[in-house]
Amino acid sequence: MLNCGITGHTGVLGSYLIKKLKYRFIKFNGDITNLKDVEKWINKNNFDYIIHLAAIVPTIYVEKKFAYSKKVNFLGTKNLVDSLIKFKKKPKNFFFSSTSHVYKPTSQLTNLKETDTVRPYSKYGKTKLLAEKYIEKRFKKNKINFCIGRIFSFTHKKQSQSFIVPNIFKKIKSSKSKEIFLENLNHNRDFVSLNDISKAIDIILKKSIIGIINIGNGRKINLLSIAKFFCKKYNIKLINHINKNPTYLISNNRRLIKYGWRPKVNFFKELKNFK
């Protein structure tokens, strides 16, 4: 069984990958911002693969505590990259979980390609793009294989209310009225399931896919349709203020599909797990 180092294993995606993928996972339990902790972990282990997930994710939190978030998301990645180079460790592939937030949402339906211009629309996206650039620069120079997976939206019942879908769900479920007013829902995002993300990462590692690759469903889900789903579930009437300026953040996933990956899980079936 192959050894796979993983950071961020306590998060929703990390814990799912450990249960789903058949690797011998070696978890990083230190402080990703502490270089000595990272160096110790890298030096004492021999990894076939590394999955780097450790990050501060909720955009609201990143906005409020940007300095700390940047330290975790960028400096933590820098520590990992520098340690691999220092100890001359070359895993078969290094997977970095980036985000669709490095792209700027479009005003019309467009499937964004990996080669499209990156213009982070959130501070979270900015921290991830800084990490992307550092990985590319340092690993290319030192001939270490890497893949930057720009993961589009995903949701899970274990996510905190800082994330959009749990936030909508919580407002509707906790409503004491038979009517609820929600605004700013006329936005379209690309939701991909944890199961499909895990299969994508597995393919990326095993097929040694290198470079930048989008991990997304390739189809739009309107936030209003999510709110309507939960309102129907709890028999609540939705009063919605339509935003006249819709946005789209949808992936072009053709590169990943060429390697045999297909999104299979229906998004609305996943929403049934919210209780």
Foldseek 3Di string as FASTA:
>chain_A
DFEEEEEPLVDPLNVVLVVPDPHNYDYQDDQLLDLVSLLVSLQVDAHQEYEYDWADDLLVVCVVVVVVRLSGLASSLVSNLVSCVVNVHAHLEYEYEAALQQADWDQDDDADEPPDDGDHPGSSNVSRVNSVVVCVVRCVVVVHFYEYEHEWAEDALPDDCSDDLVVLLVCLVPDPDLEDEDEDQQEKTFYAYSVLVSVLVVLCSVVSPGYYAYRTQQDIDTSVVSNVLSSVVVNHHYDYDYDPRYTYRGHDHVVSVVSPGHGDDDRSVNVVPHD
